[in-house]
Amino acid sequence: MFFSFRKIDPKILSWCAYDIGNSAFATTIMAAIYPVYFREVASAGLAPNISTAYWAYAAAASLFLSAFFAPILGTLADIQGSKKRLLTAFTGLGVLSTGLMAFIGPGDWFAALLLMAGGTVGFTVSIIFYDALLPSITTPDRVDVVSSQGYALGYLGGGILLAVNMLFIAFLPGTAGARLSFLSVAFWWAGFTVPLLVHVEEPPVEGENVGTVEALGRGIKRLQSTFRDIRSFRNLFLFLVAFWFYNDGIGTIIRMAAIYGSQLGIPMHHLVGALLLTQFVGIPCSLAFGTLASRVGSKNAILTGLAVYLCLILAGVFISRPWHFWALAVGVGTVQGGTQAISRSFFASMLPAGRTAEFFGFYDISSKFSGILGPAIFGAITHLTGSSRIAIAILSYTFIIGILILRKVRG
């Protein structure tokens, strides 16, 4: 279902604007340009399979840090009413790390990985608080549509800036285009954060507001209770386990696709162009998934997306030409945003009132911990065998197990 800007509540549009901003990090830094820049410039002197493995290890380590902080910070945000403040802090970390990437030169692979880790922590942790604001800006019957609109606008924003960055690379000499693209992401992300901070209100806190130290103490006790309680929410628990597996596969594809294609010898302009196409294919498809979910149910919409993903990842083993990468990029674009958007809204529909940031902390920690395993396995297999194709084939298990468990969730 496509939407008219005139019909969107300013709060919803401002909330969606943050997706426009942070999606630039997901496209230019995480998926398209920075991985290739790392392999071709920053990791000069390293063997191809070693640079790929180091990138995967750093991705896993940064997601581990995010996962460690996610549940504590999510609970703190609920108790203290600090979702917007914490979103601002971690967005700042991501923006600063991204801006500093412009100063990475040949052979600076360690600094490049540190900045990638800092940017990833800022990006992934800030999303906890962004997601936790979703239930407060719309009604339960609209949450699927609003979540899909956020993803669709995110695809649009990330795609527009990636297209601009491709022009930088095409027309500026040497590495100047890539460096400028990293700076553009920092400014873009910061700029599109402002509407959310101005127009989206902090949800009210249940009970008295307390200081940070006391809130952390209460948060730790509340986490202990939540670890016990979450198992009593059978649907919620099963969904989190399923999400743990299939999001592992989705996240690994996002983080490793460009560097995988680069190792296979596919030129940078094909890699970046195909990933740009993914963004624009994802815009209507993310919106279509919102409509699909309203007709067949959120669970069935997610299962459809996962079945397509399983076929794509198996096809990815046989990539040998640029057009193969383009074809798979189109396929990913049809399901990536929609699957993630409906997963987010499906989870939100099962949350107990007053504990949204806390449970979104678990949702996000599930995604972070799952994201640790996929890149780590990918890196280890590539490191040991010298073949990324074997690593891609093994990752199919994430979608198979995710589908089997999700089928057990009522919905």
Protein backbone atom coordinates (compact mmCIF):
# COMPACT_ATOMS: atom_id res chain seq x y z
CA MET A 1 0.00 0.00 0.00
CA PHE A 2 1.57 3.22 -1.15
CA PHE A 3 1.05 6.32 0.95
CA SER A 4 0.52 10.04 0.60
CA PHE A 5 2.78 12.37 2.58
CA ARG A 6 -0.25 14.61 3.26
CA LYS A 7 -1.92 11.77 5.18
CA ILE A 8 1.07 10.92 7.38
CA ASP A 9 1.11 12.23 10.92
CA PRO A 10 4.14 14.54 11.46
CA LYS A 11 5.30 12.31 14.30
CA ILE A 12 5.26 9.27 12.04
CA LEU A 13 7.06 11.12 9.25
CA SER A 14 9.69 12.37 11.73
CA TRP A 15 10.13 8.87 13.09
CA CYS A 16 10.53 7.53 9.54
CA ALA A 17 13.09 10.27 8.82
CA TYR A 18 15.53 8.59 11.19
CA ASP A 19 15.34 5.49 9.00
CA ILE A 20 16.24 7.69 6.02
CA GLY A 21 19.31 8.90 7.91
CA ASN A 22 20.68 5.71 9.41
CA SER A 23 20.02 3.71 6.24
CA ALA A 24 22.87 5.64 4.62
CA PHE A 25 25.21 3.89 7.07
CA ALA A 26 23.66 0.54 6.19
CA THR A 27 24.11 1.06 2.45
CA THR A 28 27.33 3.03 1.97
CA ILE A 29 29.28 1.87 5.02
CA MET A 30 27.99 -1.55 5.96
CA ALA A 31 26.97 -2.97 2.60
CA ALA A 32 28.47 -1.29 -0.46
CA ILE A 33 31.40 1.14 -0.54
CA TYR A 34 33.30 0.81 2.74
CA PRO A 35 33.72 -3.02 2.56
CA VAL A 36 35.22 -2.73 -0.93
CA TYR A 37 37.33 0.28 0.14
CA PHE A 38 38.60 -1.76 3.07
CA ARG A 39 39.58 -4.68 0.86
CA GLU A 40 41.10 -2.66 -1.98
CA VAL A 41 42.68 0.25 -0.06
CA ALA A 42 42.82 -0.09 3.72
CA SER A 43 43.90 -3.75 3.73
CA ALA A 44 46.62 -3.28 1.11
CA GLY A 45 49.26 -5.94 1.71
CA LEU A 46 46.90 -8.52 3.22
CA ALA A 47 45.92 -11.68 1.35
CA PRO A 48 42.34 -11.54 -0.04
CA ASN A 49 40.98 -14.32 2.15
CA ILE A 50 42.68 -12.80 5.23
CA SER A 51 41.16 -9.35 4.64
CA THR A 52 37.72 -10.94 4.18
CA ALA A 53 38.16 -12.94 7.38
CA TYR A 54 39.34 -9.88 9.37
CA TRP A 55 36.32 -7.92 8.19
CA ALA A 56 34.00 -10.74 9.29
CA TYR A 57 35.72 -11.02 12.69
CA ALA A 58 35.43 -7.26 13.29
CA ALA A 59 31.75 -7.34 12.34
CA ALA A 60 31.15 -10.16 14.81
CA ALA A 61 33.08 -8.35 17.60
CA SER A 62 31.17 -5.09 17.12
CA LEU A 63 27.86 -6.92 17.24
CA PHE A 64 28.97 -8.66 20.43
CA LEU A 65 29.59 -5.28 22.08
CA SER A 66 26.17 -4.09 20.91
CA ALA A 67 24.53 -7.23 22.23
CA PHE A 68 26.23 -6.83 25.60
CA PHE A 69 24.87 -3.31 26.12
CA ALA A 70 21.45 -3.76 24.48
CA PRO A 71 19.34 -5.30 27.29
CA ILE A 72 20.75 -3.10 30.06
CA LEU A 73 20.31 0.10 28.08
CA GLY A 74 16.86 -0.93 26.89
CA THR A 75 15.70 -1.49 30.44
CA LEU A 76 17.32 1.76 31.60
CA ALA A 77 15.46 3.64 28.86
CA ASP A 78 12.12 2.27 30.04
CA ILE A 79 12.71 3.02 33.72
CA GLN A 80 14.29 6.45 33.26
CA GLY A 81 12.42 7.61 30.18
CA SER A 82 15.63 8.16 28.24
CA LYS A 83 14.95 6.58 24.84
CA LYS A 84 15.59 9.81 22.91
CA ARG A 85 18.65 10.75 24.97
CA LEU A 86 20.29 7.36 24.48
CA LEU A 87 19.36 7.36 20.79
CA THR A 88 21.16 10.71 20.48
CA ALA A 89 24.28 9.45 22.27
CA PHE A 90 24.72 6.33 20.16
CA THR A 91 23.84 8.14 16.96
CA GLY A 92 26.64 10.55 17.85
CA LEU A 93 29.07 7.63 18.20
CA GLY A 94 28.03 6.30 14.82
CA VAL A 95 28.23 9.68 13.09
CA LEU A 96 31.69 10.45 14.53
CA SER A 97 33.09 7.03 13.60
CA THR A 98 31.72 7.35 10.07
CA GLY A 99 33.16 10.83 9.56
CA LEU A 100 36.62 9.69 10.68
CA MET A 101 36.59 6.95 8.02
CA ALA A 102 37.42 9.68 5.50
CA PHE A 103 40.97 9.75 6.92
CA ILE A 104 41.67 6.04 6.37
CA GLY A 105 44.42 5.42 3.81
CA PRO A 106 46.31 2.48 2.27
CA GLY A 107 47.42 -0.07 4.86
CA ASP A 108 45.34 1.44 7.69
CA TRP A 109 43.36 -1.77 8.05
CA PHE A 110 43.37 -1.87 11.86
CA ALA A 111 42.09 1.71 12.22
CA ALA A 112 39.53 1.00 9.50
CA LEU A 113 38.21 -1.97 11.45
CA LEU A 114 38.06 0.02 14.70
CA LEU A 115 36.01 2.75 13.05
CA MET A 116 33.75 0.17 11.43
CA ALA A 117 33.20 -1.35 14.87
CA GLY A 118 32.45 2.06 16.43
CA GLY A 119 30.03 2.95 13.68
CA THR A 120 28.32 -0.44 13.91
CA VAL A 121 27.86 -0.14 17.69
CA GLY A 122 26.38 3.34 17.26
CA PHE A 123 24.11 2.18 14.45
CA THR A 124 22.85 -1.02 16.06
CA VAL A 125 22.35 0.26 19.61
CA SER A 126 20.57 3.43 18.49
CA ILE A 127 18.04 1.25 16.67
CA ILE A 128 16.93 -0.22 20.02
CA PHE A 129 15.55 3.14 21.08
CA TYR A 130 14.28 3.99 17.60
CA ASP A 131 12.30 0.73 17.44
CA ALA A 132 11.04 1.23 21.01
CA LEU A 133 9.41 4.53 19.99
CA LEU A 134 7.28 2.78 17.33
CA PRO A 135 4.37 1.68 19.58
CA SER A 136 4.02 5.23 20.96
CA ILE A 137 3.47 6.95 17.58
CA THR A 138 0.71 4.80 16.11
CA THR A 139 -2.15 2.45 16.92
CA PRO A 140 -1.82 -1.37 17.05
CA ASP A 141 -3.82 -1.82 13.83
CA ARG A 142 -1.41 0.48 11.95
CA VAL A 143 1.90 -0.77 13.31
CA ASP A 144 2.64 -3.09 10.32
CA VAL A 145 2.01 -0.28 7.83
CA VAL A 146 4.03 2.33 9.74
CA SER A 147 6.95 -0.07 10.22
CA SER A 148 6.90 -0.83 6.48
CA GLN A 149 6.77 2.88 5.65
CA GLY A 150 9.88 3.43 7.79
CA TYR A 151 11.75 0.72 5.91
CA ALA A 152 10.55 2.01 2.53
CA LEU A 153 11.70 5.57 3.24
CA GLY A 154 14.93 4.13 4.62
CA TYR A 155 15.52 2.37 1.33
CA LEU A 156 14.79 5.60 -0.53
CA GLY A 157 17.16 7.65 1.62
CA GLY A 158 19.95 5.09 1.63
CA GLY A 159 19.56 4.61 -2.11
CA ILE A 160 19.62 8.31 -2.97
CA LEU A 161 22.81 8.95 -1.03
CA LEU A 162 24.45 5.79 -2.38
CA ALA A 163 23.69 7.04 -5.91
CA VAL A 164 25.30 10.39 -5.10
CA ASN A 165 28.30 8.60 -3.62
CA MET A 166 28.67 6.53 -6.80
CA LEU A 167 28.98 9.82 -8.71
CA PHE A 168 31.66 10.97 -6.26
CA ILE A 169 33.63 7.78 -6.92
CA ALA A 170 33.14 8.00 -10.69
CA PHE A 171 34.22 11.62 -11.13
CA LEU A 172 36.71 12.35 -8.35
CA PRO A 173 40.32 11.16 -8.63
CA GLY A 174 41.86 8.34 -6.61
CA THR A 175 40.23 7.65 -3.27
CA ALA A 176 38.73 11.16 -2.92
CA GLY A 177 35.28 9.99 -4.01
CA ALA A 178 35.12 7.19 -1.46
CA ARG A 179 36.42 9.43 1.34
CA LEU A 180 33.85 12.11 0.51
CA SER A 181 31.12 9.48 0.54
CA PHE A 182 32.00 8.57 4.13
CA LEU A 183 31.70 12.22 5.18
CA SER A 184 28.39 12.52 3.36
CA VAL A 185 26.97 9.61 5.38
CA ALA A 186 27.95 11.30 8.66
CA PHE A 187 26.21 14.57 7.76
CA TRP A 188 23.18 12.81 6.24
CA TRP A 189 22.65 10.61 9.30
CA ALA A 190 22.99 13.52 11.72
CA GLY A 191 20.65 15.75 9.70
CA PHE A 192 17.81 13.24 9.46
CA THR A 193 17.99 12.55 13.20
CA VAL A 194 16.84 16.09 14.01
CA PRO A 195 13.12 15.69 13.06
CA LEU A 196 12.73 12.73 15.42
CA LEU A 197 14.34 14.64 18.29
CA VAL A 198 12.08 17.65 17.67
CA HIS A 199 8.70 16.08 16.87
CA VAL A 200 8.59 12.64 18.53
CA GLU A 201 7.83 12.80 22.24
CA GLU A 202 9.47 10.63 24.86
CA PRO A 203 6.83 8.08 25.95
CA PRO A 204 5.64 8.60 29.54
CA VAL A 205 7.36 6.63 32.28
CA GLU A 206 5.28 4.44 34.55
CA GLY A 207 6.07 5.36 38.18
CA GLU A 208 8.60 7.85 39.51
CA ASN A 209 11.62 9.01 37.54
CA VAL A 210 14.91 8.06 39.20
CA GLY A 211 18.62 8.78 38.81
CA THR A 212 20.95 6.81 36.55
CA VAL A 213 22.60 4.72 39.28
CA GLU A 214 19.30 3.71 40.84
CA ALA A 215 17.82 3.11 37.40
CA LEU A 216 20.71 0.79 36.50
CA GLY A 217 20.19 -1.12 39.75
CA ARG A 218 16.51 -1.48 39.03
CA GLY A 219 17.34 -2.35 35.45
CA ILE A 220 19.56 -5.26 36.42
CA LYS A 221 16.86 -6.64 38.75
CA ARG A 222 14.26 -6.12 36.06
CA LEU A 223 16.43 -7.95 33.54
CA GLN A 224 16.67 -10.92 35.86
CA SER A 225 12.89 -10.88 36.10
CA THR A 226 12.55 -10.51 32.33
CA PHE A 227 14.83 -13.49 31.65
CA ARG A 228 12.39 -15.50 33.76
CA ASP A 229 9.24 -13.85 32.42
CA ILE A 230 10.04 -14.01 28.73
CA ARG A 231 9.74 -17.78 28.73
CA SER A 232 6.14 -17.45 29.94
CA PHE A 233 5.32 -15.47 26.77
CA ARG A 234 5.47 -18.58 24.58
CA ASN A 235 4.81 -16.87 21.26
CA LEU A 236 7.29 -14.11 22.05
CA PHE A 237 9.97 -16.59 23.09
CA LEU A 238 9.51 -18.83 20.04
CA PHE A 239 9.57 -15.84 17.73
CA LEU A 240 12.81 -14.58 19.29
CA VAL A 241 14.46 -17.99 18.75
CA ALA A 242 13.29 -18.09 15.12
CA PHE A 243 14.40 -14.50 14.61
CA TRP A 244 17.78 -15.37 16.14
CA PHE A 245 18.39 -17.85 13.33
CA TYR A 246 16.95 -16.20 10.25
CA ASN A 247 18.21 -12.71 11.10
CA ASP A 248 21.67 -14.24 11.38
CA GLY A 249 21.44 -15.10 7.70
CA ILE A 250 19.97 -11.73 6.68
CA GLY A 251 22.61 -9.78 8.62
CA THR A 252 25.47 -11.83 7.23
CA ILE A 253 24.25 -11.27 3.66
CA ILE A 254 24.07 -7.51 4.27
CA ARG A 255 27.55 -7.31 5.79
CA MET A 256 29.41 -9.76 3.58
CA ALA A 257 27.80 -9.46 0.10
CA ALA A 258 30.07 -6.73 -1.27
CA ILE A 259 33.31 -8.13 0.10
CA TYR A 260 32.26 -11.62 -1.10
CA GLY A 261 31.65 -10.28 -4.60
CA SER A 262 34.93 -8.37 -4.52
CA GLN A 263 36.84 -11.52 -3.60
CA LEU A 264 35.22 -13.26 -6.58
CA GLY A 265 36.63 -10.54 -8.84
CA ILE A 266 33.43 -8.62 -9.58
CA PRO A 267 34.36 -4.96 -10.28
CA MET A 268 33.42 -2.28 -7.75
CA HIS A 269 31.04 -0.42 -10.07
CA HIS A 270 29.00 -3.62 -10.53
CA LEU A 271 28.96 -4.33 -6.79
CA VAL A 272 27.88 -0.83 -5.80
CA GLY A 273 25.43 -0.52 -8.70
CA ALA A 274 23.75 -3.82 -7.85
CA LEU A 275 23.45 -2.88 -4.19
CA LEU A 276 22.01 0.49 -5.20
CA LEU A 277 19.40 -1.35 -7.27
CA THR A 278 18.56 -3.39 -4.16
CA GLN A 279 17.64 -0.14 -2.40
CA PHE A 280 15.20 1.02 -5.05
CA VAL A 281 13.65 -2.41 -5.55
CA GLY A 282 13.18 -2.49 -1.78
CA ILE A 283 11.04 0.68 -1.67
CA PRO A 284 7.84 -0.67 -3.29
CA CYS A 285 8.49 -4.19 -2.01
CA SER A 286 8.71 -3.05 1.62
CA LEU A 287 5.36 -1.28 1.23
CA ALA A 288 3.92 -4.33 -0.53
CA PHE A 289 4.92 -6.50 2.42
CA GLY A 290 2.87 -4.26 4.70
CA THR A 291 -0.17 -4.93 2.50
CA LEU A 292 0.68 -8.64 2.27
CA ALA A 293 0.87 -8.90 6.06
CA SER A 294 -2.53 -7.25 6.46
CA ARG A 295 -4.05 -9.85 4.11
CA VAL A 296 -2.30 -13.12 4.98
CA GLY A 297 -0.99 -12.32 8.45
CA SER A 298 2.43 -11.17 9.64
CA LYS A 299 3.80 -14.68 10.19
CA ASN A 300 2.90 -15.90 6.70
CA ALA A 301 4.41 -12.76 5.16
CA ILE A 302 7.68 -13.38 7.00
CA LEU A 303 7.69 -17.06 5.98
CA THR A 304 7.28 -16.02 2.34
CA GLY A 305 10.29 -13.74 2.59
CA LEU A 306 12.41 -16.43 4.26
CA ALA A 307 11.60 -18.98 1.56
CA VAL A 308 12.82 -16.52 -1.08
CA TYR A 309 15.97 -15.84 0.98
CA LEU A 310 16.77 -19.56 1.19
CA CYS A 311 16.61 -19.86 -2.60
CA LEU A 312 18.79 -16.77 -3.04
CA ILE A 313 21.53 -17.86 -0.67
CA LEU A 314 21.79 -21.26 -2.37
CA ALA A 315 21.99 -19.52 -5.76
CA GLY A 316 24.72 -17.26 -4.37
CA VAL A 317 27.11 -20.22 -4.18
CA PHE A 318 27.26 -20.30 -8.00
CA ILE A 319 27.97 -16.61 -8.68
CA SER A 320 30.67 -16.20 -11.34
CA ARG A 321 29.66 -13.19 -13.45
CA PRO A 322 28.58 -9.63 -12.69
CA TRP A 323 25.03 -10.18 -13.97
CA HIS A 324 24.63 -13.01 -11.45
CA PHE A 325 25.32 -10.52 -8.66
CA TRP A 326 22.83 -8.06 -10.16
CA ALA A 327 20.12 -10.74 -10.37
CA LEU A 328 20.61 -11.78 -6.75
CA ALA A 329 20.61 -8.13 -5.67
CA VAL A 330 17.15 -7.71 -7.22
CA GLY A 331 15.96 -10.83 -5.42
CA VAL A 332 17.25 -9.60 -2.08
CA GLY A 333 15.59 -6.24 -2.62
CA THR A 334 12.19 -7.88 -2.99
CA VAL A 335 12.28 -9.42 0.50
CA GLN A 336 14.92 -7.74 2.68
CA GLY A 337 13.11 -4.64 3.90
CA GLY A 338 9.70 -6.28 4.02
CA THR A 339 10.88 -9.26 6.05
CA GLN A 340 12.65 -7.04 8.57
CA ALA A 341 9.80 -4.54 8.79
CA ILE A 342 7.12 -7.17 9.42
CA SER A 343 9.39 -8.96 11.89
CA ARG A 344 9.66 -5.71 13.87
CA SER A 345 5.93 -5.02 13.83
CA PHE A 346 5.01 -8.68 14.52
CA PHE A 347 7.22 -8.56 17.59
CA ALA A 348 5.77 -5.19 18.66
CA SER A 349 2.25 -6.64 18.50
CA MET A 350 3.17 -9.22 21.18
CA LEU A 351 4.76 -6.84 23.70
CA PRO A 352 3.34 -6.20 27.19
CA ALA A 353 2.46 -2.53 27.80
CA GLY A 354 5.07 -0.35 29.50
CA ARG A 355 8.01 -2.63 28.68
CA THR A 356 8.62 -1.80 25.03
CA ALA A 357 12.26 -0.67 25.25
CA GLU A 358 13.08 -3.54 27.58
CA PHE A 359 11.63 -6.16 25.25
CA PHE A 360 12.96 -4.41 22.16
CA GLY A 361 16.30 -4.67 23.95
CA PHE A 362 15.82 -8.44 23.86
CA TYR A 363 14.68 -8.26 20.26
CA ASP A 364 17.78 -6.34 19.33
CA ILE A 365 20.08 -8.44 21.50
CA SER A 366 18.69 -11.46 19.68
CA SER A 367 19.60 -9.86 16.37
CA LYS A 368 23.04 -8.82 17.65
CA PHE A 369 23.96 -12.22 19.07
CA SER A 370 22.70 -13.92 15.93
CA GLY A 371 24.77 -11.45 13.93
CA ILE A 372 27.87 -12.52 15.84
CA LEU A 373 27.63 -16.14 14.77
CA GLY A 374 27.01 -15.66 11.04
CA PRO A 375 29.97 -13.38 10.20
CA ALA A 376 32.21 -15.35 12.60
CA ILE A 377 31.38 -18.63 10.84
CA PHE A 378 31.76 -16.97 7.45
CA GLY A 379 35.16 -15.56 8.44
CA ALA A 380 36.43 -18.78 9.97
CA ILE A 381 35.44 -20.94 7.01
CA THR A 382 36.91 -18.44 4.54
CA HIS A 383 40.09 -18.20 6.64
CA LEU A 384 40.55 -21.96 6.91
CA THR A 385 39.47 -23.07 3.44
CA GLY A 386 40.21 -19.97 1.38
CA SER A 387 36.72 -20.30 -0.14
CA SER A 388 33.82 -17.93 0.54
CA ARG A 389 31.52 -20.14 -1.55
CA ILE A 390 31.61 -22.88 1.11
CA ALA A 391 30.82 -20.27 3.77
CA ILE A 392 27.79 -19.04 1.79
CA ALA A 393 26.46 -22.59 1.34
CA ILE A 394 26.69 -23.37 5.05
CA LEU A 395 24.74 -20.21 5.95
CA SER A 396 21.59 -21.76 4.44
CA TYR A 397 21.00 -23.47 7.80
CA THR A 398 19.98 -20.11 9.32
CA PHE A 399 16.91 -19.83 7.10
CA ILE A 400 15.96 -23.50 7.31
CA ILE A 401 15.92 -23.53 11.12
CA GLY A 402 14.28 -20.08 11.28
CA ILE A 403 11.42 -21.25 9.05
CA LEU A 404 10.83 -24.43 11.05
CA ILE A 405 10.64 -22.59 14.39
CA LEU A 406 8.59 -19.66 13.10
CA ARG A 407 5.94 -22.10 11.87
CA LYS A 408 5.30 -23.00 15.52
CA VAL A 409 4.48 -19.38 16.48
CA ARG A 410 0.76 -18.61 16.70
CA GLY A 411 -0.21 -15.60 14.63
